[in-house]
């Protein structure tokens, strides 16, 4: 079971990964992207988590209509 701490850390770490990838040249990125992505996705919020968060905090999250 994913804890709130793990879920929050996954979101923060995913943002950092995306920022790193956006700023990196191909020669600068020596990380195993697939391995990092799998680690981050393990605790990344599911659609149901986002729906519950949107219901509780409509000023922070919006209901997904995708």
C-alpha atoms as a PDB file:
ATOM      1  CA  UNK A   1       0.000   0.000   0.000  1.00  0.00           C
ATOM      2  CA  UNK A   2       1.328   3.427  -0.913  1.00  0.00           C
ATOM      3  CA  UNK A   3       1.551   5.935   1.899  1.00  0.00           C
ATOM      4  CA  UNK A   4       0.833   9.653   1.524  1.00  0.00           C
ATOM      5  CA  UNK A   5       4.563  10.309   2.002  1.00  0.00           C
ATOM      6  CA  UNK A   6       5.486   7.916  -0.841  1.00  0.00           C
ATOM      7  CA  UNK A   7       2.826   9.406  -3.125  1.00  0.00           C
ATOM      8  CA  UNK A   8       3.993  12.970  -2.446  1.00  0.00           C
ATOM      9  CA  UNK A   9       7.629  11.991  -2.940  1.00  0.00           C
ATOM     10  CA  UNK A  10       6.750  10.342  -6.281  1.00  0.00           C
ATOM     11  CA  UNK A  11       5.122  13.540  -7.537  1.00  0.00           C
ATOM     12  CA  UNK A  12       8.044  15.709  -6.403  1.00  0.00           C
ATOM     13  CA  UNK A  13      10.660  13.307  -7.770  1.00  0.00           C
ATOM     14  CA  UNK A  14       8.795  13.015 -11.081  1.00  0.00           C
ATOM     15  CA  UNK A  15       8.831  16.792 -11.453  1.00  0.00           C
ATOM     16  CA  UNK A  16      12.584  16.768 -10.812  1.00  0.00           C
ATOM     17  CA  UNK A  17      13.094  14.005 -13.393  1.00  0.00           C
ATOM     18  CA  UNK A  18      11.100  15.887 -16.019  1.00  0.00           C
ATOM     19  CA  UNK A  19      13.027  19.091 -15.290  1.00  0.00           C
ATOM     20  CA  UNK A  20      16.313  17.213 -15.616  1.00  0.00           C
ATOM     21  CA  UNK A  21      15.263  15.626 -18.912  1.00  0.00           C
ATOM     22  CA  UNK A  22      14.017  18.956 -20.275  1.00  0.00           C
ATOM     23  CA  UNK A  23      17.314  20.662 -19.462  1.00  0.00           C
ATOM     24  CA  UNK A  24      19.705  17.847 -20.427  1.00  0.00           C
ATOM     25  CA  UNK A  25      21.579  17.329 -23.646  1.00  0.00           C
ATOM     26  CA  UNK A  26      21.625  13.740 -24.846  1.00  0.00           C
ATOM     27  CA  UNK A  27      25.261  13.472 -23.784  1.00  0.00           C
ATOM     28  CA  UNK A  28      24.440  14.860 -20.312  1.00  0.00           C
ATOM     29  CA  UNK A  29      21.796  12.265 -19.464  1.00  0.00           C
ATOM     30  CA  UNK A  30      23.554   9.098 -18.337  1.00  0.00           C
ATOM     31  CA  UNK A  31      20.698   7.788 -16.213  1.00  0.00           C
ATOM     32  CA  UNK A  32      18.577   4.740 -16.873  1.00  0.00           C
ATOM     33  CA  UNK A  33      15.300   6.536 -17.612  1.00  0.00           C
ATOM     34  CA  UNK A  34      13.192   3.371 -17.651  1.00  0.00           C
ATOM     35  CA  UNK A  35      14.416   2.303 -14.224  1.00  0.00           C
ATOM     36  CA  UNK A  36      13.808   5.747 -12.730  1.00  0.00           C
ATOM     37  CA  UNK A  37      10.351   5.950 -14.324  1.00  0.00           C
ATOM     38  CA  UNK A  38       9.369   2.555 -12.919  1.00  0.00           C
ATOM     39  CA  UNK A  39      10.487   3.609  -9.430  1.00  0.00           C
ATOM     40  CA  UNK A  40       8.530   6.857  -9.613  1.00  0.00           C
ATOM     41  CA  UNK A  41       5.388   5.272 -11.053  1.00  0.00           C
ATOM     42  CA  UNK A  42       5.248   2.720  -8.251  1.00  0.00           C
ATOM     43  CA  UNK A  43       3.759   5.359  -5.933  1.00  0.00           C
ATOM     44  CA  UNK A  44       2.486   7.881  -8.473  1.00  0.00           C
ATOM     45  CA  UNK A  45      -1.158   8.878  -7.898  1.00  0.00           C
ATOM     46  CA  UNK A  46      -3.804   6.948  -9.805  1.00  0.00           C
ATOM     47  CA  UNK A  47      -6.840   8.589 -11.413  1.00  0.00           C
ATOM     48  CA  UNK A  48      -8.946   7.656  -8.383  1.00  0.00           C
ATOM     49  CA  UNK A  49      -6.414   9.375  -6.090  1.00  0.00           C
ATOM     50  CA  UNK A  50      -6.626  12.537  -8.179  1.00  0.00           C
ATOM     51  CA  UNK A  51     -10.441  12.408  -8.147  1.00  0.00           C
ATOM     52  CA  UNK A  52     -10.511  12.146  -4.355  1.00  0.00           C
ATOM     53  CA  UNK A  53      -7.994  14.982  -4.069  1.00  0.00           C
ATOM     54  CA  UNK A  54     -10.014  17.139  -6.479  1.00  0.00           C
ATOM     55  CA  UNK A  55     -13.177  16.560  -4.452  1.00  0.00           C
ATOM     56  CA  UNK A  56     -11.418  17.468  -1.205  1.00  0.00           C
ATOM     57  CA  UNK A  57      -9.297  20.334  -2.555  1.00  0.00           C
ATOM     58  CA  UNK A  58     -10.979  21.874  -5.622  1.00  0.00           C
ATOM     59  CA  UNK A  59      -8.715  24.916  -5.335  1.00  0.00           C
ATOM     60  CA  UNK A  60      -5.637  22.732  -5.807  1.00  0.00           C
ATOM     61  CA  UNK A  61      -6.810  19.946  -8.172  1.00  0.00           C
ATOM     62  CA  UNK A  62      -9.448  19.787 -10.880  1.00  0.00           C
ATOM     63  CA  UNK A  63     -11.645  16.839 -11.698  1.00  0.00           C
ATOM     64  CA  UNK A  64     -10.155  14.930 -14.610  1.00  0.00           C
ATOM     65  CA  UNK A  65     -12.279  14.840 -17.718  1.00  0.00           C
ATOM     66  CA  UNK A  66      -9.746  12.998 -19.872  1.00  0.00           C
END
